[in-house]
Amino acid sequence: MRIRDVAAGRAARHALTLSARARIRDGRSLFLKIISSLYERWRHLVHELAKFGIVGAVNTILDFGLANLLYLGFGWPSLGAKTTSVAVAATSSFFMNRHWTFRHRARTGLRREYTLFFLLNGVGLLIANACILVVEHGFGKTGALWFNIAQLAGLALGMVFRFTTYRRFVFVSHERAAARSLQPAGSRTGASS
């Protein structure tokens, strides 16, 4: 009788161990399914953000380098240097974003996209120049260090603005483009969703 009890005890412990392992495995599997589901749901946004970041980094180097060259190297006024550098970097950014970051999105016409892109970059330029003006005239700070601090502040504020507006208005989803094309020509506004 005792041998049977020992064997039954071992079998029960083994069954409990297997059950615990199965629950852990099921828990891990559920966790991985949740992560995978979230990734699939947000995959396009994650990829767009990563590409937008790379394009932004390349064009930030171009923007800051040219602005510093014009301001510090050639003695241009700070706002003129920044305006010129933003125009050059924005042109580069437009083509990189159109043909790489947002290439999977609907094409609504080069003229329309280019015009909106530069209007939105104009707002981004106003943000950047406002930061320079605040530093130079509000705080009374000038020179290379303060010019670059103002540029960084403008970059941070402008980046959030640009990404959200590019996705919504310039490089639209196929659904938005289809909805836009179904609207009568006289009723199209920038406020459509």
Protein backbone atom coordinates (compact mmCIF):
# COMPACT_ATOMS: atom_id res chain seq x y z
CA MET A 1 0.00 0.00 0.00
CA ARG A 2 2.81 2.39 0.87
CA ILE A 3 4.50 1.95 -2.52
CA ARG A 4 1.23 2.83 -4.24
CA ASP A 5 0.90 6.00 -2.12
CA VAL A 6 4.46 7.05 -2.94
CA ALA A 7 3.87 6.41 -6.63
CA ALA A 8 0.57 8.30 -6.50
CA GLY A 9 2.30 11.20 -4.73
CA ARG A 10 5.00 11.34 -7.39
CA ALA A 11 2.40 11.24 -10.14
CA ALA A 12 0.44 14.05 -8.44
CA ARG A 13 3.59 16.19 -8.04
CA HIS A 14 4.55 15.51 -11.64
CA ALA A 15 1.05 16.48 -12.81
CA LEU A 16 1.22 19.70 -10.75
CA THR A 17 4.63 20.53 -12.19
CA LEU A 18 3.39 19.95 -15.72
CA SER A 19 0.30 22.03 -14.99
CA ALA A 20 2.40 24.90 -13.60
CA ARG A 21 4.73 24.77 -16.61
CA ALA A 22 1.73 24.81 -18.95
CA ARG A 23 0.31 27.88 -17.17
CA ILE A 24 3.67 29.67 -17.43
CA ARG A 25 3.95 28.70 -21.08
CA ASP A 26 0.35 29.86 -21.68
CA GLY A 27 1.08 33.13 -19.85
CA ARG A 28 4.18 33.74 -21.95
CA SER A 29 2.26 32.82 -25.07
CA LEU A 30 -0.51 35.26 -24.16
CA PHE A 31 2.04 38.00 -23.46
CA LEU A 32 3.75 37.38 -26.82
CA LYS A 33 0.36 37.38 -28.57
CA ILE A 34 -0.50 40.73 -26.98
CA ILE A 35 2.86 42.25 -27.96
CA SER A 36 2.56 40.84 -31.48
CA SER A 37 -0.99 42.17 -31.79
CA LEU A 38 0.08 45.63 -30.62
CA TYR A 39 3.00 45.62 -33.02
CA GLU A 40 0.77 44.60 -35.95
CA ARG A 41 -1.74 47.29 -35.04
CA TRP A 42 0.90 50.03 -34.74
CA ARG A 43 3.46 48.66 -37.23
CA HIS A 44 2.91 51.32 -39.88
CA LEU A 45 3.12 54.13 -37.34
CA VAL A 46 6.30 52.69 -35.82
CA HIS A 47 7.91 52.35 -39.26
CA GLU A 48 6.80 55.83 -40.31
CA LEU A 49 8.15 57.32 -37.09
CA ALA A 50 11.49 55.54 -37.53
CA LYS A 51 11.85 56.67 -41.15
CA PHE A 52 10.68 60.18 -40.27
CA GLY A 53 13.35 60.25 -37.55
CA ILE A 54 16.09 59.22 -39.97
CA VAL A 55 14.99 61.79 -42.57
CA GLY A 56 14.76 64.35 -39.78
CA ALA A 57 18.26 63.56 -38.53
CA VAL A 58 19.79 63.91 -42.00
CA ASN A 59 17.98 67.17 -42.68
CA THR A 60 18.66 68.54 -39.21
CA ILE A 61 22.38 68.12 -39.87
CA LEU A 62 21.89 69.87 -43.21
CA ASP A 63 19.77 72.64 -41.60
CA PHE A 64 22.06 73.26 -38.61
CA GLY A 65 25.23 72.98 -40.68
CA LEU A 66 24.06 75.43 -43.30
CA ALA A 67 22.58 77.83 -40.71
CA ASN A 68 25.85 77.87 -38.76
CA LEU A 69 27.90 78.27 -41.93
CA LEU A 70 25.80 81.25 -43.04
CA TYR A 71 25.49 82.83 -39.57
CA LEU A 72 28.95 82.19 -38.16
CA GLY A 73 31.01 81.70 -41.31
CA PHE A 74 29.58 84.35 -43.60
CA GLY A 75 28.11 86.72 -41.01
CA TRP A 76 24.51 86.54 -42.22
CA PRO A 77 21.76 87.77 -39.86
CA SER A 78 20.45 84.90 -37.70
CA LEU A 79 16.93 84.90 -39.14
CA GLY A 80 18.19 85.06 -42.73
CA ALA A 81 20.59 82.19 -42.11
CA LYS A 82 17.86 80.11 -40.50
CA THR A 83 15.30 80.86 -43.20
CA THR A 84 17.71 79.85 -45.96
CA SER A 85 18.83 76.68 -44.19
CA VAL A 86 15.23 75.63 -43.53
CA ALA A 87 14.29 76.16 -47.19
CA VAL A 88 17.16 73.94 -48.36
CA ALA A 89 16.54 71.26 -45.70
CA ALA A 90 12.78 71.33 -46.35
CA THR A 91 13.30 70.68 -50.05
CA SER A 92 15.50 67.71 -49.25
CA SER A 93 13.05 66.52 -46.59
CA PHE A 94 10.08 66.71 -48.96
CA PHE A 95 11.62 64.36 -51.48
CA MET A 96 12.98 61.97 -48.84
CA ASN A 97 9.62 61.81 -47.06
CA ARG A 98 7.60 61.51 -50.27
CA HIS A 99 9.73 58.76 -51.78
CA TRP A 100 10.71 56.84 -48.64
CA THR A 101 8.92 57.63 -45.37
CA PHE A 102 5.40 57.95 -46.76
CA ARG A 103 5.83 56.17 -50.12
CA HIS A 104 3.08 53.66 -49.28
CA ARG A 105 0.52 56.44 -48.89
CA ALA A 106 -1.74 57.74 -51.62
CA ARG A 107 -0.35 60.18 -54.17
CA THR A 108 -2.57 63.24 -54.44
CA GLY A 109 -0.44 65.21 -56.86
CA LEU A 110 3.05 66.64 -56.63
CA ARG A 111 1.85 70.26 -56.76
CA ARG A 112 -0.70 69.75 -53.97
CA GLU A 113 1.70 67.83 -51.73
CA TYR A 114 4.61 70.21 -52.37
CA THR A 115 2.49 73.29 -51.70
CA LEU A 116 1.05 71.92 -48.45
CA PHE A 117 4.45 70.64 -47.37
CA PHE A 118 6.02 74.06 -47.77
CA LEU A 119 3.11 75.86 -46.13
CA LEU A 120 3.45 73.57 -43.14
CA ASN A 121 7.22 74.04 -43.18
CA GLY A 122 6.55 77.77 -43.19
CA VAL A 123 4.75 77.32 -39.88
CA GLY A 124 7.68 75.20 -38.69
CA LEU A 125 10.03 78.02 -39.74
CA LEU A 126 7.93 80.50 -37.77
CA ILE A 127 8.28 78.24 -34.73
CA ALA A 128 12.08 78.05 -35.21
CA ASN A 129 12.44 81.79 -35.79
CA ALA A 130 10.24 82.54 -32.77
CA CYS A 131 12.64 80.50 -30.64
CA ILE A 132 15.61 82.45 -32.04
CA LEU A 133 13.83 85.77 -31.38
CA VAL A 134 12.96 84.76 -27.82
CA VAL A 135 16.57 83.83 -27.11
CA GLU A 136 18.10 86.89 -28.81
CA HIS A 137 15.59 89.57 -27.87
CA GLY A 138 13.73 88.05 -24.94
CA PHE A 139 16.77 86.77 -23.05
CA GLY A 140 19.34 89.04 -24.70
CA LYS A 141 21.62 86.12 -25.57
CA THR A 142 23.58 85.96 -28.84
CA GLY A 143 26.47 83.95 -30.22
CA ALA A 144 26.99 80.44 -31.49
CA LEU A 145 25.91 78.60 -28.32
CA TRP A 146 22.67 80.52 -27.87
CA PHE A 147 21.88 80.40 -31.60
CA ASN A 148 22.17 76.61 -31.51
CA ILE A 149 20.16 76.31 -28.29
CA ALA A 150 17.38 78.31 -29.96
CA GLN A 151 17.62 76.05 -33.02
CA LEU A 152 17.26 72.94 -30.84
CA ALA A 153 14.18 74.36 -29.13
CA GLY A 154 12.65 75.19 -32.51
CA LEU A 155 13.54 71.74 -33.78
CA ALA A 156 11.80 69.98 -30.89
CA LEU A 157 8.63 72.03 -31.18
CA GLY A 158 8.57 71.93 -34.97
CA MET A 159 9.17 68.17 -35.18
CA VAL A 160 5.95 67.27 -33.40
CA PHE A 161 4.01 69.76 -35.52
CA ARG A 162 5.51 68.54 -38.79
CA PHE A 163 5.03 64.81 -38.25
CA THR A 164 1.38 65.13 -37.31
CA THR A 165 0.53 67.55 -40.10
CA TYR A 166 2.49 65.70 -42.80
CA ARG A 167 0.59 62.49 -42.03
CA ARG A 168 -2.77 64.20 -41.89
CA PHE A 169 -2.64 66.72 -44.71
CA VAL A 170 0.27 66.11 -47.10
CA PHE A 171 0.88 62.36 -47.36
CA VAL A 172 -2.66 61.13 -46.77
CA SER A 173 -3.88 57.57 -46.37
CA HIS A 174 -5.54 55.83 -49.30
CA GLU A 175 -8.88 56.07 -47.49
CA ARG A 176 -8.61 59.85 -47.06
CA ALA A 177 -7.53 60.26 -50.67
CA ALA A 178 -10.49 58.19 -51.87
CA ALA A 179 -12.90 60.15 -49.68
CA ARG A 180 -11.40 63.39 -50.92
CA SER A 181 -11.82 62.38 -54.56
CA LEU A 182 -15.51 61.57 -53.98
CA GLN A 183 -16.29 65.06 -52.68
CA PRO A 184 -17.63 67.64 -55.13
CA ALA A 185 -14.87 70.06 -56.17
CA GLY A 186 -16.50 73.07 -54.51
CA SER A 187 -16.87 71.41 -51.12
CA ARG A 188 -13.22 70.43 -50.53
CA THR A 189 -11.69 72.04 -47.48
CA GLY A 190 -8.65 71.37 -45.37
CA ALA A 191 -10.94 70.54 -42.46
CA SER A 192 -12.18 67.22 -43.85
CA SER A 193 -11.28 64.21 -41.78
